[in-house]
Amino acid sequence: MQKTNKLTKQFSDIMKIFINGKEIEIFDGATIESAVRKFDKSVLSEIKNGKSEVCDQYGNHVALSGPLHENSQIIIKISK
């Protein structure tokens, strides 16, 4: 049986996702809301107030409670 040290475990719990093309490192199992909060808290407020929207890389609207996976691509459409 292979031993896993705490350092290896810690780094395997991090995943990379992209928001508007910017790479974000976040914990494995994070929601879209967690990632947007890390990206920009003010944008999260705009989304919650209906002033901006979140889509996947295909243009489909996604909920803030939606799951993320390694290399997920999220686009935030900011209203003017």
N, C-alpha and C. Protein backbone atom coordinates (compact mmCIF):
# COMPACT_ATOMS: atom_id res chain seq x y z
N MET A 1 0.84 -1.18 0.00
CA MET A 1 0.00 0.00 0.00
C MET A 1 0.88 1.24 0.00
N GLN A 2 0.58 2.19 -0.87
CA GLN A 2 1.38 3.41 -1.00
C GLN A 2 0.96 4.42 0.06
N LYS A 3 1.96 5.00 0.73
CA LYS A 3 1.68 6.03 1.73
C LYS A 3 1.55 7.38 1.04
N THR A 4 0.61 8.18 1.48
CA THR A 4 0.45 9.54 0.98
C THR A 4 0.74 10.49 2.12
N ASN A 5 1.72 11.37 1.92
CA ASN A 5 2.00 12.31 2.99
C ASN A 5 1.04 13.50 2.91
N LYS A 6 0.99 14.29 3.97
CA LYS A 6 0.05 15.40 4.04
C LYS A 6 0.27 16.41 2.92
N LEU A 7 1.53 16.65 2.55
CA LEU A 7 1.83 17.63 1.50
C LEU A 7 1.27 17.17 0.16
N THR A 8 1.42 15.92 -0.18
CA THR A 8 0.87 15.39 -1.44
C THR A 8 -0.65 15.48 -1.42
N LYS A 9 -1.26 15.12 -0.32
CA LYS A 9 -2.71 15.18 -0.19
C LYS A 9 -3.20 16.62 -0.35
N GLN A 10 -2.48 17.56 0.27
CA GLN A 10 -2.87 18.96 0.21
C GLN A 10 -2.89 19.46 -1.23
N PHE A 11 -1.87 19.16 -2.02
CA PHE A 11 -1.82 19.65 -3.38
C PHE A 11 -2.81 18.93 -4.29
N SER A 12 -3.16 17.70 -3.98
CA SER A 12 -4.13 17.01 -4.82
C SER A 12 -5.54 17.52 -4.58
N ASP A 13 -5.76 18.27 -3.51
CA ASP A 13 -7.06 18.83 -3.20
C ASP A 13 -7.29 20.19 -3.87
N ILE A 14 -6.36 20.64 -4.67
CA ILE A 14 -6.46 21.92 -5.38
C ILE A 14 -6.73 21.64 -6.85
N MET A 15 -7.64 22.41 -7.43
CA MET A 15 -7.87 22.29 -8.87
C MET A 15 -7.78 23.66 -9.52
N LYS A 16 -7.52 23.64 -10.81
CA LYS A 16 -7.43 24.88 -11.58
C LYS A 16 -8.68 25.00 -12.43
N ILE A 17 -9.29 26.19 -12.38
CA ILE A 17 -10.43 26.49 -13.23
C ILE A 17 -10.14 27.85 -13.88
N PHE A 18 -10.99 28.25 -14.79
CA PHE A 18 -10.79 29.52 -15.48
C PHE A 18 -12.06 30.35 -15.42
N ILE A 19 -11.91 31.62 -15.04
CA ILE A 19 -13.02 32.57 -15.06
C ILE A 19 -12.60 33.72 -15.97
N ASN A 20 -13.36 33.91 -17.04
CA ASN A 20 -13.05 34.94 -18.04
C ASN A 20 -11.59 34.84 -18.50
N GLY A 21 -11.12 33.61 -18.63
CA GLY A 21 -9.77 33.35 -19.12
C GLY A 21 -8.68 33.42 -18.07
N LYS A 22 -9.01 33.85 -16.86
CA LYS A 22 -8.01 33.95 -15.78
C LYS A 22 -8.00 32.64 -14.99
N GLU A 23 -6.80 32.09 -14.83
CA GLU A 23 -6.67 30.84 -14.06
C GLU A 23 -6.86 31.11 -12.58
N ILE A 24 -7.67 30.28 -11.96
CA ILE A 24 -7.95 30.37 -10.52
C ILE A 24 -7.66 29.00 -9.91
N GLU A 25 -6.94 28.98 -8.81
CA GLU A 25 -6.75 27.74 -8.07
C GLU A 25 -7.72 27.73 -6.91
N ILE A 26 -8.46 26.64 -6.77
CA ILE A 26 -9.49 26.55 -5.73
C ILE A 26 -9.59 25.11 -5.26
N PHE A 27 -10.18 24.93 -4.11
CA PHE A 27 -10.27 23.59 -3.52
C PHE A 27 -11.17 22.68 -4.35
N ASP A 28 -10.80 21.43 -4.39
CA ASP A 28 -11.58 20.42 -5.10
C ASP A 28 -12.96 20.32 -4.46
N GLY A 29 -13.99 20.34 -5.28
CA GLY A 29 -15.36 20.29 -4.78
C GLY A 29 -16.01 21.65 -4.63
N ALA A 30 -15.30 22.70 -5.04
CA ALA A 30 -15.83 24.06 -4.92
C ALA A 30 -17.03 24.27 -5.84
N THR A 31 -17.88 25.18 -5.44
CA THR A 31 -19.01 25.58 -6.28
C THR A 31 -18.61 26.79 -7.13
N ILE A 32 -19.45 27.11 -8.08
CA ILE A 32 -19.21 28.29 -8.90
C ILE A 32 -19.18 29.54 -8.02
N GLU A 33 -20.05 29.60 -7.03
CA GLU A 33 -20.08 30.75 -6.13
C GLU A 33 -18.74 30.92 -5.41
N SER A 34 -18.15 29.84 -4.92
CA SER A 34 -16.85 29.91 -4.23
C SER A 34 -15.78 30.45 -5.16
N ALA A 35 -15.79 30.00 -6.40
CA ALA A 35 -14.78 30.44 -7.36
C ALA A 35 -14.97 31.91 -7.73
N VAL A 36 -16.22 32.32 -7.93
CA VAL A 36 -16.47 33.73 -8.27
C VAL A 36 -16.08 34.63 -7.09
N ARG A 37 -16.35 34.19 -5.87
CA ARG A 37 -15.96 34.95 -4.68
C ARG A 37 -14.45 35.15 -4.66
N LYS A 38 -13.71 34.10 -4.99
CA LYS A 38 -12.25 34.22 -5.02
C LYS A 38 -11.79 35.11 -6.16
N PHE A 39 -12.49 35.05 -7.28
CA PHE A 39 -12.17 35.86 -8.46
C PHE A 39 -12.38 37.34 -8.18
N ASP A 40 -13.58 37.69 -7.65
CA ASP A 40 -13.90 39.10 -7.38
C ASP A 40 -15.20 39.16 -6.59
N LYS A 41 -15.11 39.55 -5.33
CA LYS A 41 -16.30 39.59 -4.47
C LYS A 41 -17.35 40.57 -4.99
N SER A 42 -16.93 41.68 -5.59
CA SER A 42 -17.91 42.65 -6.08
C SER A 42 -18.70 42.09 -7.26
N VAL A 43 -18.07 41.26 -8.08
CA VAL A 43 -18.77 40.62 -9.20
C VAL A 43 -19.81 39.64 -8.65
N LEU A 44 -19.48 38.95 -7.58
CA LEU A 44 -20.43 38.03 -6.97
C LEU A 44 -21.69 38.79 -6.55
N SER A 45 -21.53 39.96 -5.97
CA SER A 45 -22.69 40.77 -5.57
C SER A 45 -23.52 41.16 -6.78
N GLU A 46 -22.86 41.52 -7.88
CA GLU A 46 -23.58 41.88 -9.10
C GLU A 46 -24.38 40.71 -9.64
N ILE A 47 -23.83 39.52 -9.56
CA ILE A 47 -24.53 38.32 -10.04
C ILE A 47 -25.76 38.07 -9.16
N LYS A 48 -25.58 38.16 -7.86
CA LYS A 48 -26.68 37.91 -6.94
C LYS A 48 -27.79 38.95 -7.09
N ASN A 49 -27.43 40.16 -7.51
CA ASN A 49 -28.41 41.23 -7.72
C ASN A 49 -28.97 41.25 -9.13
N GLY A 50 -28.59 40.28 -9.96
CA GLY A 50 -29.11 40.18 -11.32
C GLY A 50 -28.49 41.15 -12.31
N LYS A 51 -27.39 41.78 -11.93
CA LYS A 51 -26.73 42.74 -12.82
C LYS A 51 -25.70 42.08 -13.74
N SER A 52 -25.33 40.87 -13.42
CA SER A 52 -24.39 40.09 -14.22
C SER A 52 -24.86 38.65 -14.23
N GLU A 53 -24.35 37.86 -15.18
CA GLU A 53 -24.74 36.47 -15.26
C GLU A 53 -23.52 35.58 -15.47
N VAL A 54 -23.68 34.31 -15.11
CA VAL A 54 -22.59 33.34 -15.23
C VAL A 54 -22.99 32.29 -16.25
N CYS A 55 -22.04 31.99 -17.16
CA CYS A 55 -22.27 30.98 -18.19
C CYS A 55 -21.08 30.03 -18.23
N ASP A 56 -21.31 28.84 -18.79
CA ASP A 56 -20.19 27.94 -19.03
C ASP A 56 -19.55 28.31 -20.37
N GLN A 57 -18.55 27.56 -20.77
CA GLN A 57 -17.81 27.89 -21.99
C GLN A 57 -18.65 27.78 -23.26
N TYR A 58 -19.83 27.16 -23.14
CA TYR A 58 -20.71 26.99 -24.29
C TYR A 58 -21.82 28.04 -24.33
N GLY A 59 -21.84 28.93 -23.33
CA GLY A 59 -22.85 29.98 -23.28
C GLY A 59 -24.11 29.61 -22.51
N ASN A 60 -24.11 28.45 -21.88
CA ASN A 60 -25.26 28.03 -21.07
C ASN A 60 -25.22 28.71 -19.70
N HIS A 61 -26.34 29.23 -19.25
CA HIS A 61 -26.42 29.82 -17.91
C HIS A 61 -26.20 28.73 -16.88
N VAL A 62 -25.45 29.06 -15.85
CA VAL A 62 -25.18 28.11 -14.77
C VAL A 62 -25.51 28.75 -13.43
N ALA A 63 -25.94 27.94 -12.49
CA ALA A 63 -26.28 28.40 -11.15
C ALA A 63 -25.02 28.55 -10.30
N LEU A 64 -25.07 29.50 -9.38
CA LEU A 64 -23.94 29.68 -8.47
C LEU A 64 -23.69 28.44 -7.63
N SER A 65 -24.70 27.64 -7.42
CA SER A 65 -24.55 26.42 -6.61
C SER A 65 -23.99 25.25 -7.42
N GLY A 66 -23.75 25.47 -8.71
CA GLY A 66 -23.26 24.40 -9.58
C GLY A 66 -21.84 23.97 -9.23
N PRO A 67 -21.54 22.70 -9.51
CA PRO A 67 -20.20 22.16 -9.22
C PRO A 67 -19.17 22.58 -10.26
N LEU A 68 -17.93 22.54 -9.86
CA LEU A 68 -16.81 22.79 -10.76
C LEU A 68 -15.93 21.55 -10.82
N HIS A 69 -15.23 21.41 -11.92
CA HIS A 69 -14.30 20.31 -12.11
C HIS A 69 -12.99 20.90 -12.63
N GLU A 70 -11.94 20.14 -12.54
CA GLU A 70 -10.64 20.56 -13.07
C GLU A 70 -10.81 21.10 -14.48
N ASN A 71 -10.25 22.27 -14.74
CA ASN A 71 -10.26 22.96 -16.04
C ASN A 71 -11.64 23.47 -16.47
N SER A 72 -12.59 23.58 -15.54
CA SER A 72 -13.87 24.20 -15.88
C SER A 72 -13.61 25.62 -16.37
N GLN A 73 -14.42 26.05 -17.30
CA GLN A 73 -14.31 27.41 -17.85
C GLN A 73 -15.64 28.13 -17.62
N ILE A 74 -15.58 29.22 -16.88
CA ILE A 74 -16.75 30.01 -16.55
C ILE A 74 -16.58 31.39 -17.18
N ILE A 75 -17.68 31.92 -17.72
CA ILE A 75 -17.67 33.26 -18.28
C ILE A 75 -18.67 34.10 -17.51
N ILE A 76 -18.21 35.23 -17.03
CA ILE A 76 -19.09 36.16 -16.33
C ILE A 76 -19.40 37.29 -17.31
N LYS A 77 -20.68 37.43 -17.61
CA LYS A 77 -21.13 38.50 -18.50
C LYS A 77 -21.59 39.65 -17.62
N ILE A 78 -20.80 40.71 -17.62
CA ILE A 78 -21.06 41.85 -16.76
C ILE A 78 -21.96 42.83 -17.51
N SER A 79 -23.08 43.17 -16.90
CA SER A 79 -24.00 44.13 -17.50
C SER A 79 -23.43 45.55 -17.35
N LYS A 80 -23.81 46.38 -18.30
CA LYS A 80 -23.31 47.76 -18.26
C LYS A 80 -24.26 48.67 -17.56
